[in-house]
Amino acid sequence: MMRSAYSDAIYRIARKGKRVGERNLLPLLAVLALLLAAVLPARAEEFDTRASHAIIMDSKSGAVLFAKDADQQFPPASMTKVMTML
């Protein structure tokens, strides 16, 4: 099937329009994500655990993020004893 010059021109315009739309989609999504991040407030959820003792620390800074009876001494768990024995 042979295409005429006219149909080739229409095909090129249609393809060009499709590429332009795809090219503009990513920056549009990036701007939308940044706007949402700026508008929605970042907040920490309340954290609770059924454990009697717990501590969560940031490994890089050493900052304590969560502590529950962290200063009270207690015997190590049985898994800790097994791993120490190995």
N, C-alpha and C. Protein backbone atom coordinates (compact mmCIF):
# COMPACT_ATOMS: atom_id res chain seq x y z
N MET A 1 0.84 -1.17 0.00
CA MET A 1 0.00 0.00 0.00
C MET A 1 0.88 1.23 0.00
N MET A 2 0.69 2.10 -0.96
CA MET A 2 1.48 3.32 -1.05
C MET A 2 0.75 4.47 -0.40
N ARG A 3 1.54 5.24 0.32
CA ARG A 3 0.95 6.42 0.93
C ARG A 3 1.27 7.63 0.08
N SER A 4 0.36 8.55 0.08
CA SER A 4 0.60 9.79 -0.66
C SER A 4 1.38 10.76 0.22
N ALA A 5 1.84 11.82 -0.38
CA ALA A 5 2.58 12.85 0.37
C ALA A 5 1.67 13.47 1.43
N TYR A 6 0.39 13.59 1.08
CA TYR A 6 -0.57 14.17 2.02
C TYR A 6 -0.73 13.28 3.26
N SER A 7 -0.88 11.97 3.05
CA SER A 7 -1.06 11.07 4.19
C SER A 7 0.23 10.98 5.01
N ASP A 8 1.39 11.08 4.36
CA ASP A 8 2.65 11.11 5.10
C ASP A 8 2.73 12.34 5.99
N ALA A 9 2.30 13.48 5.47
CA ALA A 9 2.33 14.72 6.26
C ALA A 9 1.39 14.61 7.46
N ILE A 10 0.20 14.05 7.27
CA ILE A 10 -0.75 13.87 8.37
C ILE A 10 -0.17 12.92 9.41
N TYR A 11 0.46 11.85 8.95
CA TYR A 11 1.07 10.87 9.85
C TYR A 11 2.16 11.52 10.70
N ARG A 12 3.01 12.33 10.05
CA ARG A 12 4.09 13.00 10.79
C ARG A 12 3.54 13.98 11.81
N ILE A 13 2.51 14.74 11.47
CA ILE A 13 1.91 15.70 12.40
C ILE A 13 1.31 14.96 13.59
N ALA A 14 0.63 13.86 13.32
CA ALA A 14 0.02 13.08 14.40
C ALA A 14 1.09 12.50 15.33
N ARG A 15 2.16 11.99 14.77
CA ARG A 15 3.25 11.44 15.59
C ARG A 15 3.94 12.52 16.38
N LYS A 16 4.15 13.69 15.75
CA LYS A 16 4.81 14.78 16.45
C LYS A 16 3.96 15.24 17.63
N GLY A 17 2.67 15.35 17.44
CA GLY A 17 1.79 15.73 18.53
C GLY A 17 1.83 14.74 19.67
N LYS A 18 1.92 13.45 19.36
CA LYS A 18 1.98 12.43 20.38
C LYS A 18 3.28 12.54 21.18
N ARG A 19 4.38 12.77 20.51
CA ARG A 19 5.67 12.89 21.20
C ARG A 19 5.70 14.12 22.09
N VAL A 20 5.14 15.21 21.62
CA VAL A 20 5.14 16.42 22.43
C VAL A 20 4.33 16.20 23.69
N GLY A 21 3.20 15.52 23.58
CA GLY A 21 2.39 15.24 24.76
C GLY A 21 3.10 14.36 25.75
N GLU A 22 3.78 13.34 25.27
CA GLU A 22 4.52 12.45 26.16
C GLU A 22 5.69 13.18 26.80
N ARG A 23 6.32 14.07 26.08
CA ARG A 23 7.46 14.80 26.59
C ARG A 23 7.04 15.77 27.69
N ASN A 24 5.85 16.32 27.60
CA ASN A 24 5.39 17.29 28.59
C ASN A 24 4.74 16.63 29.80
N LEU A 25 4.47 15.35 29.75
CA LEU A 25 3.79 14.68 30.84
C LEU A 25 4.68 14.54 32.07
N LEU A 26 5.93 14.17 31.92
CA LEU A 26 6.81 13.97 33.06
C LEU A 26 7.05 15.25 33.85
N PRO A 27 7.40 16.37 33.22
CA PRO A 27 7.56 17.60 34.01
C PRO A 27 6.26 18.03 34.70
N LEU A 28 5.14 17.80 34.05
CA LEU A 28 3.86 18.15 34.65
C LEU A 28 3.62 17.32 35.91
N LEU A 29 3.91 16.03 35.84
CA LEU A 29 3.75 15.18 37.02
C LEU A 29 4.72 15.56 38.13
N ALA A 30 5.92 15.95 37.77
CA ALA A 30 6.91 16.36 38.77
C ALA A 30 6.45 17.63 39.49
N VAL A 31 5.94 18.59 38.74
CA VAL A 31 5.45 19.83 39.34
C VAL A 31 4.25 19.53 40.25
N LEU A 32 3.37 18.65 39.82
CA LEU A 32 2.22 18.28 40.63
C LEU A 32 2.66 17.62 41.94
N ALA A 33 3.64 16.75 41.87
CA ALA A 33 4.15 16.08 43.08
C ALA A 33 4.78 17.08 44.04
N LEU A 34 5.53 18.04 43.51
CA LEU A 34 6.13 19.06 44.37
C LEU A 34 5.08 19.94 45.02
N LEU A 35 4.05 20.29 44.28
CA LEU A 35 2.97 21.10 44.86
C LEU A 35 2.25 20.34 45.96
N LEU A 36 1.98 19.07 45.75
CA LEU A 36 1.34 18.27 46.78
C LEU A 36 2.21 18.14 48.03
N ALA A 37 3.50 17.97 47.83
CA ALA A 37 4.42 17.85 48.96
C ALA A 37 4.48 19.15 49.75
N ALA A 38 4.37 20.29 49.06
CA ALA A 38 4.42 21.58 49.74
C ALA A 38 3.12 21.87 50.48
N VAL A 39 2.01 21.41 49.94
CA VAL A 39 0.71 21.72 50.52
C VAL A 39 0.39 20.80 51.69
N LEU A 40 0.65 19.51 51.53
CA LEU A 40 0.32 18.56 52.57
C LEU A 40 1.36 18.61 53.69
N PRO A 41 0.93 18.79 54.92
CA PRO A 41 1.90 18.88 56.02
C PRO A 41 2.51 17.52 56.35
N ALA A 42 3.77 17.51 56.65
CA ALA A 42 4.45 16.29 57.07
C ALA A 42 4.31 16.19 58.58
N ARG A 43 3.83 15.06 59.05
CA ARG A 43 3.68 14.90 60.49
C ARG A 43 3.96 13.45 60.86
N ALA A 44 4.40 13.28 62.06
CA ALA A 44 4.69 11.94 62.56
C ALA A 44 3.44 11.37 63.20
N GLU A 45 3.20 10.12 62.95
CA GLU A 45 2.07 9.45 63.57
C GLU A 45 2.45 9.07 65.00
N GLU A 46 1.46 9.02 65.85
CA GLU A 46 1.70 8.53 67.21
C GLU A 46 2.08 7.06 67.10
N PHE A 47 3.07 6.67 67.86
CA PHE A 47 3.56 5.30 67.81
C PHE A 47 3.40 4.67 69.18
N ASP A 48 2.87 3.49 69.23
CA ASP A 48 2.73 2.77 70.49
C ASP A 48 3.01 1.29 70.20
N THR A 49 3.49 0.62 71.20
CA THR A 49 3.80 -0.80 71.06
C THR A 49 3.34 -1.56 72.29
N ARG A 50 3.06 -2.83 72.11
CA ARG A 50 2.66 -3.66 73.26
C ARG A 50 3.88 -4.10 74.07
N ALA A 51 5.07 -3.87 73.55
CA ALA A 51 6.28 -4.27 74.26
C ALA A 51 6.42 -3.45 75.55
N SER A 52 6.99 -4.08 76.57
CA SER A 52 7.17 -3.37 77.83
C SER A 52 8.35 -2.40 77.76
N HIS A 53 9.33 -2.68 76.92
CA HIS A 53 10.50 -1.81 76.74
C HIS A 53 10.80 -1.69 75.26
N ALA A 54 11.13 -0.50 74.80
CA ALA A 54 11.48 -0.31 73.39
C ALA A 54 12.29 0.96 73.22
N ILE A 55 13.13 0.96 72.21
CA ILE A 55 13.87 2.17 71.84
C ILE A 55 14.14 2.12 70.34
N ILE A 56 13.92 3.22 69.68
CA ILE A 56 14.21 3.35 68.25
C ILE A 56 15.15 4.53 68.09
N MET A 57 16.31 4.27 67.44
CA MET A 57 17.33 5.30 67.27
C MET A 57 17.67 5.47 65.80
N ASP A 58 18.04 6.68 65.42
CA ASP A 58 18.56 6.95 64.08
C ASP A 58 20.01 6.50 64.06
N SER A 59 20.35 5.62 63.12
CA SER A 59 21.69 5.03 63.11
C SER A 59 22.77 6.04 62.74
N LYS A 60 22.44 7.04 61.95
CA LYS A 60 23.46 8.02 61.54
C LYS A 60 23.71 9.07 62.61
N SER A 61 22.64 9.62 63.17
CA SER A 61 22.82 10.72 64.13
C SER A 61 22.83 10.25 65.57
N GLY A 62 22.28 9.05 65.84
CA GLY A 62 22.21 8.56 67.20
C GLY A 62 21.05 9.16 67.98
N ALA A 63 20.20 9.92 67.33
CA ALA A 63 19.06 10.54 67.99
C ALA A 63 18.01 9.49 68.33
N VAL A 64 17.46 9.60 69.52
CA VAL A 64 16.41 8.67 69.95
C VAL A 64 15.09 9.16 69.37
N LEU A 65 14.45 8.32 68.54
CA LEU A 65 13.20 8.67 67.90
C LEU A 65 12.00 8.24 68.73
N PHE A 66 12.14 7.16 69.46
CA PHE A 66 11.07 6.65 70.31
C PHE A 66 11.70 5.90 71.47
N ALA A 67 11.16 6.10 72.66
CA ALA A 67 11.65 5.37 73.83
C ALA A 67 10.48 5.04 74.74
N LYS A 68 10.47 3.81 75.21
CA LYS A 68 9.46 3.37 76.17
C LYS A 68 10.20 2.58 77.25
N ASP A 69 10.30 3.15 78.44
CA ASP A 69 11.05 2.57 79.56
C ASP A 69 12.47 2.20 79.13
N ALA A 70 13.11 3.12 78.41
CA ALA A 70 14.44 2.84 77.88
C ALA A 70 15.52 2.84 78.95
N ASP A 71 15.29 3.53 80.08
CA ASP A 71 16.32 3.62 81.13
C ASP A 71 16.23 2.48 82.15
N GLN A 72 15.18 1.72 82.12
CA GLN A 72 14.99 0.63 83.07
C GLN A 72 15.76 -0.61 82.59
N GLN A 73 16.54 -1.23 83.50
CA GLN A 73 17.29 -2.43 83.13
C GLN A 73 16.40 -3.66 83.23
N PHE A 74 16.64 -4.63 82.33
CA PHE A 74 15.89 -5.87 82.32
C PHE A 74 16.77 -6.95 81.73
N PRO A 75 16.49 -8.22 82.01
CA PRO A 75 17.34 -9.31 81.49
C PRO A 75 17.18 -9.43 79.98
N PRO A 76 18.23 -9.88 79.28
CA PRO A 76 18.14 -10.02 77.82
C PRO A 76 17.15 -11.12 77.40
N ALA A 77 16.65 -11.00 76.22
CA ALA A 77 15.72 -12.00 75.69
C ALA A 77 16.47 -13.29 75.38
N SER A 78 15.73 -14.38 75.26
CA SER A 78 16.37 -15.68 75.05
C SER A 78 17.10 -15.76 73.72
N MET A 79 16.60 -15.08 72.67
CA MET A 79 17.30 -15.08 71.37
C MET A 79 18.66 -14.41 71.50
N THR A 80 18.73 -13.36 72.31
CA THR A 80 20.01 -12.69 72.53
C THR A 80 20.99 -13.64 73.19
N LYS A 81 20.52 -14.43 74.13
CA LYS A 81 21.40 -15.39 74.81
C LYS A 81 21.93 -16.44 73.83
N VAL A 82 21.06 -16.93 72.96
CA VAL A 82 21.48 -17.93 71.97
C VAL A 82 22.51 -17.34 71.02
N MET A 83 22.28 -16.13 70.52
CA MET A 83 23.21 -15.52 69.57
C MET A 83 24.54 -15.20 70.23
N THR A 84 24.54 -14.84 71.50
CA THR A 84 25.78 -14.56 72.23
C THR A 84 26.58 -15.86 72.41
N MET A 85 25.87 -16.95 72.63
CA MET A 85 26.51 -18.23 72.86
C MET A 85 27.21 -18.73 71.59
N LEU A 86 26.68 -18.42 70.42
CA LEU A 86 27.27 -18.88 69.17
C LEU A 86 28.55 -18.15 68.95
